[in-house]
């Protein structure tokens, strides 16, 4: 009688890298009304009134403030949408993105 030997096969382990996260940053300017900045933060980033006011105040005092952290595509979309909303109203409000360290 012939003996059949089967060897277990191992599949190579694939390491899935987490997507690199990007910060959305609000840059201060001296022209956009504070109420409008709060409105944009609430609309685009789903912040409460008090959260949005804190972010706006921090950006005003320090020159910039991290609004939120997302995957690259989401961060860029949100920054673009928020900046575009300001442009449509004639304000120079600017949101940028940068990779998180």
C-alpha atoms as a PDB file:
ATOM      1  CA  UNK A   1       0.000   0.000   0.000  1.00  0.00           C
ATOM      2  CA  UNK A   2       1.334   3.388  -1.004  1.00  0.00           C
ATOM      3  CA  UNK A   3       1.425   6.167   1.603  1.00  0.00           C
ATOM      4  CA  UNK A   4       0.375   9.624   0.497  1.00  0.00           C
ATOM      5  CA  UNK A   5       2.129  12.467   2.248  1.00  0.00           C
ATOM      6  CA  UNK A   6       0.617  15.911   2.069  1.00  0.00           C
ATOM      7  CA  UNK A   7       2.577  18.943   3.085  1.00  0.00           C
ATOM      8  CA  UNK A   8       0.747  21.916   4.524  1.00  0.00           C
ATOM      9  CA  UNK A   9       1.075  24.934   2.335  1.00  0.00           C
ATOM     10  CA  UNK A  10       1.630  28.303   3.886  1.00  0.00           C
ATOM     11  CA  UNK A  11       0.467  31.416   2.209  1.00  0.00           C
ATOM     12  CA  UNK A  12       2.807  34.370   2.386  1.00  0.00           C
ATOM     13  CA  UNK A  13       1.639  36.894   4.948  1.00  0.00           C
ATOM     14  CA  UNK A  14       0.707  40.153   3.301  1.00  0.00           C
ATOM     15  CA  UNK A  15       1.310  43.172   5.440  1.00  0.00           C
ATOM     16  CA  UNK A  16      -1.279  45.753   4.673  1.00  0.00           C
ATOM     17  CA  UNK A  17      -0.004  49.220   5.379  1.00  0.00           C
ATOM     18  CA  UNK A  18      -2.418  51.686   6.822  1.00  0.00           C
ATOM     19  CA  UNK A  19      -2.981  54.655   4.543  1.00  0.00           C
ATOM     20  CA  UNK A  20      -0.929  57.664   5.503  1.00  0.00           C
ATOM     21  CA  UNK A  21      -3.043  60.282   7.206  1.00  0.00           C
ATOM     22  CA  UNK A  22      -3.119  63.963   6.284  1.00  0.00           C
ATOM     23  CA  UNK A  23      -3.956  66.981   8.425  1.00  0.00           C
ATOM     24  CA  UNK A  24      -6.378  69.629   7.231  1.00  0.00           C
ATOM     25  CA  UNK A  25      -5.049  72.997   8.372  1.00  0.00           C
ATOM     26  CA  UNK A  26      -6.964  76.249   8.663  1.00  0.00           C
ATOM     27  CA  UNK A  27      -4.795  79.293   7.926  1.00  0.00           C
ATOM     28  CA  UNK A  28      -5.689  82.602   9.547  1.00  0.00           C
ATOM     29  CA  UNK A  29      -6.408  85.695   7.519  1.00  0.00           C
ATOM     30  CA  UNK A  30      -7.505  89.124   8.673  1.00  0.00           C
ATOM     31  CA  UNK A  31     -10.387  89.492   6.212  1.00  0.00           C
ATOM     32  CA  UNK A  32     -12.749  86.538   6.562  1.00  0.00           C
ATOM     33  CA  UNK A  33     -15.400  87.161   9.225  1.00  0.00           C
ATOM     34  CA  UNK A  34     -15.161  84.845  12.224  1.00  0.00           C
ATOM     35  CA  UNK A  35     -18.823  83.865  11.950  1.00  0.00           C
ATOM     36  CA  UNK A  36     -18.261  82.714   8.373  1.00  0.00           C
ATOM     37  CA  UNK A  37     -15.243  80.595   9.409  1.00  0.00           C
ATOM     38  CA  UNK A  38     -17.363  78.928  12.101  1.00  0.00           C
ATOM     39  CA  UNK A  39     -20.130  78.280   9.562  1.00  0.00           C
ATOM     40  CA  UNK A  40     -17.684  76.608   7.137  1.00  0.00           C
ATOM     41  CA  UNK A  41     -16.160  74.463   9.892  1.00  0.00           C
ATOM     42  CA  UNK A  42     -19.607  73.323  11.005  1.00  0.00           C
ATOM     43  CA  UNK A  43     -20.748  72.548   7.461  1.00  0.00           C
ATOM     44  CA  UNK A  44     -17.669  70.845   6.013  1.00  0.00           C
ATOM     45  CA  UNK A  45     -16.178  69.237   9.118  1.00  0.00           C
ATOM     46  CA  UNK A  46     -19.391  68.496  11.047  1.00  0.00           C
ATOM     47  CA  UNK A  47     -18.238  70.425  14.119  1.00  0.00           C
ATOM     48  CA  UNK A  48     -20.438  71.771  16.869  1.00  0.00           C
ATOM     49  CA  UNK A  49     -20.678  75.534  17.341  1.00  0.00           C
ATOM     50  CA  UNK A  50     -18.258  75.451  20.285  1.00  0.00           C
ATOM     51  CA  UNK A  51     -15.725  73.165  18.535  1.00  0.00           C
ATOM     52  CA  UNK A  52     -15.739  75.376  15.447  1.00  0.00           C
ATOM     53  CA  UNK A  53     -15.316  78.513  17.556  1.00  0.00           C
ATOM     54  CA  UNK A  54     -12.313  76.977  19.367  1.00  0.00           C
ATOM     55  CA  UNK A  55     -10.628  75.978  16.092  1.00  0.00           C
ATOM     56  CA  UNK A  56     -11.261  79.412  14.589  1.00  0.00           C
ATOM     57  CA  UNK A  57      -9.900  81.159  17.703  1.00  0.00           C
ATOM     58  CA  UNK A  58      -6.789  78.969  17.769  1.00  0.00           C
ATOM     59  CA  UNK A  59      -6.098  79.697  14.088  1.00  0.00           C
ATOM     60  CA  UNK A  60      -6.620  83.408  14.745  1.00  0.00           C
ATOM     61  CA  UNK A  61      -4.204  83.452  17.697  1.00  0.00           C
ATOM     62  CA  UNK A  62      -1.509  81.129  16.317  1.00  0.00           C
ATOM     63  CA  UNK A  63      -1.805  81.754  12.574  1.00  0.00           C
ATOM     64  CA  UNK A  64      -2.935  78.195  11.788  1.00  0.00           C
ATOM     65  CA  UNK A  65      -4.782  75.290  13.377  1.00  0.00           C
ATOM     66  CA  UNK A  66      -5.179  71.603  12.556  1.00  0.00           C
ATOM     67  CA  UNK A  67      -8.876  71.095  11.883  1.00  0.00           C
ATOM     68  CA  UNK A  68      -8.969  67.304  11.484  1.00  0.00           C
ATOM     69  CA  UNK A  69      -7.010  64.299  10.218  1.00  0.00           C
ATOM     70  CA  UNK A  70      -8.192  62.086   7.355  1.00  0.00           C
ATOM     71  CA  UNK A  71      -6.862  59.848   4.617  1.00  0.00           C
ATOM     72  CA  UNK A  72      -5.205  61.883   1.859  1.00  0.00           C
ATOM     73  CA  UNK A  73      -8.163  61.922  -0.549  1.00  0.00           C
ATOM     74  CA  UNK A  74     -10.700  62.897   2.101  1.00  0.00           C
ATOM     75  CA  UNK A  75      -8.418  65.593   3.546  1.00  0.00           C
ATOM     76  CA  UNK A  76      -7.824  67.137   0.124  1.00  0.00           C
ATOM     77  CA  UNK A  77     -11.540  67.046  -0.752  1.00  0.00           C
ATOM     78  CA  UNK A  78     -12.580  68.694   2.500  1.00  0.00           C
ATOM     79  CA  UNK A  79      -9.857  71.368   2.279  1.00  0.00           C
ATOM     80  CA  UNK A  80     -10.841  72.144  -1.317  1.00  0.00           C
ATOM     81  CA  UNK A  81     -14.572  72.256  -0.538  1.00  0.00           C
ATOM     82  CA  UNK A  82     -14.067  74.558   2.455  1.00  0.00           C
ATOM     83  CA  UNK A  83     -11.751  76.896   0.512  1.00  0.00           C
ATOM     84  CA  UNK A  84     -14.152  76.943  -2.456  1.00  0.00           C
ATOM     85  CA  UNK A  85     -17.083  77.841  -0.179  1.00  0.00           C
ATOM     86  CA  UNK A  86     -15.108  80.888   1.009  1.00  0.00           C
ATOM     87  CA  UNK A  87     -14.107  81.885  -2.538  1.00  0.00           C
ATOM     88  CA  UNK A  88     -17.750  81.827  -3.630  1.00  0.00           C
ATOM     89  CA  UNK A  89     -18.462  84.408  -0.923  1.00  0.00           C
ATOM     90  CA  UNK A  90     -15.405  86.480  -1.869  1.00  0.00           C
ATOM     91  CA  UNK A  91     -13.278  85.601   1.175  1.00  0.00           C
ATOM     92  CA  UNK A  92      -9.583  84.615   1.133  1.00  0.00           C
ATOM     93  CA  UNK A  93     -10.072  81.842   3.743  1.00  0.00           C
ATOM     94  CA  UNK A  94      -7.645  79.000   3.047  1.00  0.00           C
ATOM     95  CA  UNK A  95      -7.458  75.375   4.116  1.00  0.00           C
ATOM     96  CA  UNK A  96      -4.402  73.277   3.258  1.00  0.00           C
ATOM     97  CA  UNK A  97      -3.295  69.690   3.860  1.00  0.00           C
ATOM     98  CA  UNK A  98      -0.025  68.093   4.864  1.00  0.00           C
ATOM     99  CA  UNK A  99       1.037  64.557   5.764  1.00  0.00           C
ATOM    100  CA  UNK A 100       0.946  63.641   9.413  1.00  0.00           C
ATOM    101  CA  UNK A 101       4.309  62.637  10.860  1.00  0.00           C
END
